[in-house]
């Protein structure tokens, strides 16, 4: 049985993800199965979201629940924006480069 767990009032990127996917509030609310007014309050930060909402929104926005609270999809130079464009082989290379940088132990 799933227990209702309200999430802390914290920043999120729900509106940014919705716009990134080209959806209106009405369209996203319909995909999630909630009223548009409820989505509006969550986007404005006047209403808290819960885990079931976060999971449903992530599915509707084709991203992970963690992405909604940590990643701004409109940031073109964000590391995740770049990561998303890499092939699996390029991702392996990128990880190897990052590990090499971390192994140097210097700040630059």
N, C-alpha and C. Protein backbone atom coordinates (compact mmCIF):
# COMPACT_ATOMS: atom_id res chain seq x y z
N UNK A 1 0.84 -1.16 0.00
CA UNK A 1 0.00 0.00 0.00
C UNK A 1 0.90 1.24 0.00
N UNK A 2 0.59 2.20 -0.85
CA UNK A 2 1.36 3.43 -0.99
C UNK A 2 0.88 4.45 0.03
N UNK A 3 1.82 4.99 0.80
CA UNK A 3 1.48 5.99 1.81
C UNK A 3 1.71 7.38 1.24
N UNK A 4 0.82 8.30 1.57
CA UNK A 4 0.95 9.69 1.14
C UNK A 4 2.12 10.32 1.88
N UNK A 5 3.08 10.84 1.13
CA UNK A 5 4.23 11.49 1.74
C UNK A 5 4.38 12.87 1.09
N UNK A 6 4.01 13.95 1.80
CA UNK A 6 4.17 15.28 1.22
C UNK A 6 5.65 15.62 1.09
N UNK A 7 5.99 16.26 -0.01
CA UNK A 7 7.37 16.65 -0.26
C UNK A 7 7.63 17.99 0.41
N UNK A 8 8.87 18.22 0.74
CA UNK A 8 9.27 19.50 1.32
C UNK A 8 9.05 20.61 0.29
N UNK A 9 8.82 21.79 0.80
CA UNK A 9 8.68 22.95 -0.09
C UNK A 9 10.08 23.26 -0.61
N UNK A 10 10.38 22.83 -1.79
CA UNK A 10 11.70 23.05 -2.36
C UNK A 10 11.57 23.46 -3.81
N UNK A 11 12.61 24.10 -4.33
CA UNK A 11 12.55 24.51 -5.74
C UNK A 11 12.37 23.31 -6.66
N UNK A 12 11.76 23.55 -7.78
CA UNK A 12 11.59 22.50 -8.78
C UNK A 12 11.55 23.14 -10.16
N UNK A 13 11.63 22.30 -11.15
CA UNK A 13 11.64 22.77 -12.54
C UNK A 13 10.45 22.23 -13.33
N UNK A 14 9.32 22.07 -12.68
CA UNK A 14 8.14 21.53 -13.35
C UNK A 14 7.73 22.41 -14.53
N UNK A 15 7.63 23.70 -14.31
CA UNK A 15 7.24 24.61 -15.38
C UNK A 15 8.27 24.60 -16.51
N UNK A 16 9.55 24.59 -16.16
CA UNK A 16 10.60 24.57 -17.18
C UNK A 16 10.51 23.30 -18.02
N UNK A 17 10.29 22.15 -17.36
CA UNK A 17 10.15 20.89 -18.11
C UNK A 17 8.91 20.91 -18.99
N UNK A 18 7.82 21.46 -18.46
CA UNK A 18 6.58 21.52 -19.26
C UNK A 18 6.80 22.34 -20.51
N UNK A 19 7.43 23.50 -20.36
CA UNK A 19 7.70 24.34 -21.52
C UNK A 19 8.71 23.69 -22.46
N UNK A 20 9.71 23.02 -21.90
CA UNK A 20 10.72 22.32 -22.70
C UNK A 20 10.08 21.26 -23.59
N UNK A 21 9.05 20.62 -23.07
CA UNK A 21 8.33 19.58 -23.84
C UNK A 21 7.21 20.17 -24.70
N UNK A 22 7.03 21.49 -24.66
CA UNK A 22 6.03 22.15 -25.50
C UNK A 22 4.60 21.90 -25.08
N UNK A 23 4.37 21.75 -23.80
CA UNK A 23 3.03 21.46 -23.30
C UNK A 23 2.43 22.67 -22.60
N UNK A 24 1.13 22.80 -22.70
CA UNK A 24 0.41 23.80 -21.92
C UNK A 24 0.13 23.20 -20.54
N UNK A 25 -0.28 24.05 -19.61
CA UNK A 25 -0.68 23.52 -18.30
C UNK A 25 -1.83 22.54 -18.44
N UNK A 26 -2.77 22.89 -19.31
CA UNK A 26 -3.93 22.02 -19.51
C UNK A 26 -3.50 20.64 -20.01
N UNK A 27 -2.59 20.60 -20.97
CA UNK A 27 -2.13 19.33 -21.52
C UNK A 27 -1.40 18.49 -20.47
N UNK A 28 -0.50 19.14 -19.72
CA UNK A 28 0.23 18.38 -18.70
C UNK A 28 -0.71 17.90 -17.61
N UNK A 29 -1.61 18.76 -17.16
CA UNK A 29 -2.56 18.37 -16.12
C UNK A 29 -3.39 17.17 -16.57
N UNK A 30 -3.80 17.18 -17.83
CA UNK A 30 -4.59 16.07 -18.36
C UNK A 30 -3.77 14.78 -18.38
N UNK A 31 -2.51 14.87 -18.77
CA UNK A 31 -1.64 13.68 -18.80
C UNK A 31 -1.41 13.11 -17.41
N UNK A 32 -1.33 14.00 -16.42
CA UNK A 32 -1.10 13.56 -15.04
C UNK A 32 -2.40 13.08 -14.40
N UNK A 33 -3.53 13.65 -14.85
CA UNK A 33 -4.82 13.29 -14.28
C UNK A 33 -5.22 14.19 -13.12
N UNK A 34 -4.84 15.47 -13.21
CA UNK A 34 -5.18 16.44 -12.18
C UNK A 34 -5.82 17.66 -12.84
N UNK A 35 -6.37 18.54 -12.02
CA UNK A 35 -6.94 19.78 -12.53
C UNK A 35 -5.83 20.77 -12.87
N UNK A 36 -6.05 21.57 -13.88
CA UNK A 36 -5.07 22.58 -14.28
C UNK A 36 -4.78 23.52 -13.12
N UNK A 37 -5.80 23.88 -12.37
CA UNK A 37 -5.62 24.81 -11.25
C UNK A 37 -4.67 24.24 -10.19
N UNK A 38 -4.72 22.95 -9.99
CA UNK A 38 -3.82 22.28 -9.04
C UNK A 38 -2.39 22.37 -9.55
N UNK A 39 -2.19 22.13 -10.85
CA UNK A 39 -0.85 22.23 -11.45
C UNK A 39 -0.33 23.66 -11.34
N UNK A 40 -1.19 24.63 -11.59
CA UNK A 40 -0.80 26.04 -11.49
C UNK A 40 -0.26 26.34 -10.10
N UNK A 41 -0.94 25.88 -9.07
CA UNK A 41 -0.50 26.13 -7.69
C UNK A 41 0.84 25.47 -7.40
N UNK A 42 1.04 24.28 -7.93
CA UNK A 42 2.33 23.60 -7.73
C UNK A 42 3.44 24.36 -8.45
N UNK A 43 3.18 24.76 -9.68
CA UNK A 43 4.20 25.50 -10.44
C UNK A 43 4.55 26.81 -9.75
N UNK A 44 3.58 27.48 -9.17
CA UNK A 44 3.82 28.76 -8.48
C UNK A 44 4.45 28.58 -7.10
N UNK A 45 4.43 27.36 -6.60
CA UNK A 45 4.99 27.10 -5.28
C UNK A 45 4.04 27.39 -4.14
N UNK A 46 2.76 27.58 -4.44
CA UNK A 46 1.78 27.83 -3.38
C UNK A 46 1.15 26.54 -2.88
N UNK A 47 1.46 25.45 -3.53
CA UNK A 47 0.95 24.14 -3.13
C UNK A 47 2.09 23.14 -3.21
N UNK A 48 2.21 22.31 -2.21
CA UNK A 48 3.26 21.29 -2.22
C UNK A 48 2.87 20.13 -3.12
N UNK A 49 3.87 19.49 -3.65
CA UNK A 49 3.62 18.28 -4.43
C UNK A 49 4.00 17.08 -3.57
N UNK A 50 3.51 15.90 -3.97
CA UNK A 50 3.86 14.68 -3.26
C UNK A 50 4.54 13.71 -4.23
N UNK A 51 5.00 12.61 -3.71
CA UNK A 51 5.73 11.64 -4.52
C UNK A 51 4.90 11.09 -5.68
N UNK A 52 3.64 10.73 -5.48
CA UNK A 52 2.84 10.25 -6.62
C UNK A 52 2.73 11.30 -7.73
N UNK A 53 2.55 12.58 -7.34
CA UNK A 53 2.51 13.64 -8.35
C UNK A 53 3.82 13.71 -9.09
N UNK A 54 4.93 13.70 -8.36
CA UNK A 54 6.26 13.81 -8.96
C UNK A 54 6.50 12.68 -9.97
N UNK A 55 6.12 11.48 -9.61
CA UNK A 55 6.30 10.33 -10.50
C UNK A 55 5.41 10.45 -11.74
N UNK A 56 4.17 10.87 -11.56
CA UNK A 56 3.25 11.02 -12.70
C UNK A 56 3.72 12.15 -13.62
N UNK A 57 4.20 13.25 -13.03
CA UNK A 57 4.70 14.37 -13.84
C UNK A 57 5.93 13.94 -14.63
N UNK A 58 6.82 13.22 -13.98
CA UNK A 58 8.04 12.76 -14.66
C UNK A 58 7.70 11.86 -15.84
N UNK A 59 6.76 10.97 -15.66
CA UNK A 59 6.35 10.09 -16.76
C UNK A 59 5.77 10.92 -17.90
N UNK A 60 4.92 11.88 -17.56
CA UNK A 60 4.28 12.71 -18.59
C UNK A 60 5.30 13.60 -19.30
N UNK A 61 6.36 13.98 -18.59
CA UNK A 61 7.37 14.87 -19.16
C UNK A 61 8.57 14.12 -19.73
N UNK A 62 8.50 12.78 -19.69
CA UNK A 62 9.56 11.92 -20.24
C UNK A 62 10.94 12.24 -19.64
N UNK A 63 10.96 12.26 -18.30
CA UNK A 63 12.21 12.46 -17.57
C UNK A 63 12.09 11.70 -16.26
N UNK A 64 13.10 11.76 -15.45
CA UNK A 64 13.05 11.11 -14.16
C UNK A 64 12.53 12.05 -13.08
N UNK A 65 11.95 11.50 -12.00
CA UNK A 65 11.49 12.37 -10.91
C UNK A 65 12.60 13.28 -10.39
N UNK A 66 13.79 12.75 -10.29
CA UNK A 66 14.91 13.56 -9.82
C UNK A 66 15.24 14.71 -10.75
N UNK A 67 15.01 14.50 -12.05
CA UNK A 67 15.27 15.57 -13.02
C UNK A 67 14.40 16.80 -12.73
N UNK A 68 13.17 16.56 -12.34
CA UNK A 68 12.23 17.66 -12.11
C UNK A 68 12.70 18.56 -10.97
N UNK A 69 13.39 17.99 -10.00
CA UNK A 69 13.81 18.81 -8.87
C UNK A 69 15.29 19.22 -8.93
N UNK A 70 16.04 18.71 -9.91
CA UNK A 70 17.46 19.06 -9.94
C UNK A 70 17.95 19.64 -11.26
N UNK A 71 17.24 19.42 -12.35
CA UNK A 71 17.74 19.81 -13.66
C UNK A 71 16.86 20.83 -14.35
N UNK A 72 17.45 21.93 -14.76
CA UNK A 72 16.74 22.93 -15.54
C UNK A 72 16.97 22.59 -17.02
N UNK A 73 15.94 22.09 -17.70
CA UNK A 73 16.13 21.66 -19.09
C UNK A 73 16.39 22.81 -20.05
N UNK A 74 16.13 24.03 -19.60
CA UNK A 74 16.33 25.18 -20.48
C UNK A 74 17.76 25.71 -20.42
N UNK A 75 18.60 25.10 -19.60
CA UNK A 75 19.99 25.51 -19.47
C UNK A 75 20.83 24.75 -20.51
N UNK A 76 21.09 25.36 -21.68
CA UNK A 76 21.73 24.64 -22.78
C UNK A 76 23.15 24.18 -22.50
N UNK A 77 23.85 24.85 -21.61
CA UNK A 77 25.21 24.46 -21.30
C UNK A 77 25.33 23.65 -20.01
N UNK A 78 24.19 23.27 -19.44
CA UNK A 78 24.22 22.43 -18.25
C UNK A 78 24.79 21.07 -18.62
N UNK A 79 25.50 20.46 -17.70
CA UNK A 79 26.17 19.19 -17.97
C UNK A 79 25.19 18.12 -18.44
N UNK A 80 23.98 18.12 -17.88
CA UNK A 80 23.01 17.11 -18.28
C UNK A 80 22.46 17.36 -19.68
N UNK A 81 22.38 18.62 -20.09
CA UNK A 81 21.94 18.93 -21.45
C UNK A 81 22.94 18.38 -22.46
N UNK A 82 24.22 18.50 -22.12
CA UNK A 82 25.26 17.96 -22.99
C UNK A 82 25.23 16.44 -22.95
N UNK A 83 25.13 15.88 -21.75
CA UNK A 83 25.11 14.42 -21.56
C UNK A 83 24.01 13.77 -22.39
N UNK A 84 22.84 14.38 -22.42
CA UNK A 84 21.70 13.82 -23.14
C UNK A 84 21.95 13.69 -24.64
N UNK A 85 22.88 14.46 -25.17
CA UNK A 85 23.14 14.43 -26.62
C UNK A 85 24.23 13.44 -27.01
N UNK A 86 24.90 12.84 -26.01
CA UNK A 86 26.01 11.94 -26.30
C UNK A 86 25.55 10.52 -26.59
N UNK A 87 26.29 9.86 -27.46
CA UNK A 87 26.05 8.45 -27.73
C UNK A 87 26.58 7.63 -26.55
N UNK A 88 26.21 6.36 -26.43
CA UNK A 88 26.75 5.55 -25.33
C UNK A 88 28.28 5.52 -25.30
N UNK A 89 28.91 5.45 -26.45
CA UNK A 89 30.38 5.43 -26.51
C UNK A 89 30.94 6.77 -26.04
N UNK A 90 30.32 7.87 -26.46
CA UNK A 90 30.78 9.19 -26.02
C UNK A 90 30.58 9.37 -24.52
N UNK A 91 29.55 8.79 -23.98
CA UNK A 91 29.32 8.88 -22.53
C UNK A 91 30.44 8.17 -21.77
N UNK A 92 30.86 7.01 -22.28
CA UNK A 92 31.98 6.29 -21.65
C UNK A 92 33.24 7.15 -21.69
N UNK A 93 33.48 7.80 -22.81
CA UNK A 93 34.64 8.66 -22.94
C UNK A 93 34.55 9.83 -21.96
N UNK A 94 33.38 10.43 -21.86
CA UNK A 94 33.19 11.58 -20.97
C UNK A 94 33.44 11.17 -19.52
N UNK A 95 32.96 10.03 -19.12
CA UNK A 95 33.18 9.55 -17.76
C UNK A 95 34.67 9.34 -17.51
N UNK A 96 35.37 8.77 -18.49
CA UNK A 96 36.82 8.56 -18.34
C UNK A 96 37.55 9.89 -18.17
N UNK A 97 37.16 10.91 -18.93
CA UNK A 97 37.79 12.23 -18.82
C UNK A 97 37.51 12.83 -17.44
N UNK A 98 36.27 12.74 -16.98
CA UNK A 98 35.91 13.29 -15.67
C UNK A 98 36.68 12.57 -14.56
N UNK A 99 36.80 11.27 -14.66
CA UNK A 99 37.57 10.53 -13.66
C UNK A 99 39.03 10.97 -13.66
N UNK A 100 39.58 11.19 -14.84
CA UNK A 100 40.97 11.63 -14.93
C UNK A 100 41.14 13.00 -14.28
N UNK A 101 40.19 13.90 -14.51
CA UNK A 101 40.25 15.24 -13.91
C UNK A 101 40.18 15.12 -12.38
N UNK A 102 39.25 14.29 -11.91
CA UNK A 102 39.09 14.10 -10.46
C UNK A 102 40.34 13.49 -9.84
N UNK A 103 41.00 12.60 -10.54
CA UNK A 103 42.18 11.92 -10.03
C UNK A 103 43.38 12.87 -9.88
N UNK A 104 43.40 13.96 -10.61
CA UNK A 104 44.53 14.89 -10.49
C UNK A 104 44.53 15.58 -9.14
N UNK A 105 43.35 15.73 -8.56
CA UNK A 105 43.24 16.32 -7.23
C UNK A 105 43.57 17.81 -7.18
N UNK A 106 43.64 18.44 -8.34
CA UNK A 106 43.93 19.88 -8.34
C UNK A 106 42.69 20.65 -8.75
N UNK A 107 42.65 21.91 -8.40
CA UNK A 107 41.52 22.76 -8.75
C UNK A 107 41.75 23.53 -10.02
N UNK A 108 42.80 23.35 -10.67
CA UNK A 108 42.94 24.01 -11.95
C UNK A 108 44.22 24.69 -12.08
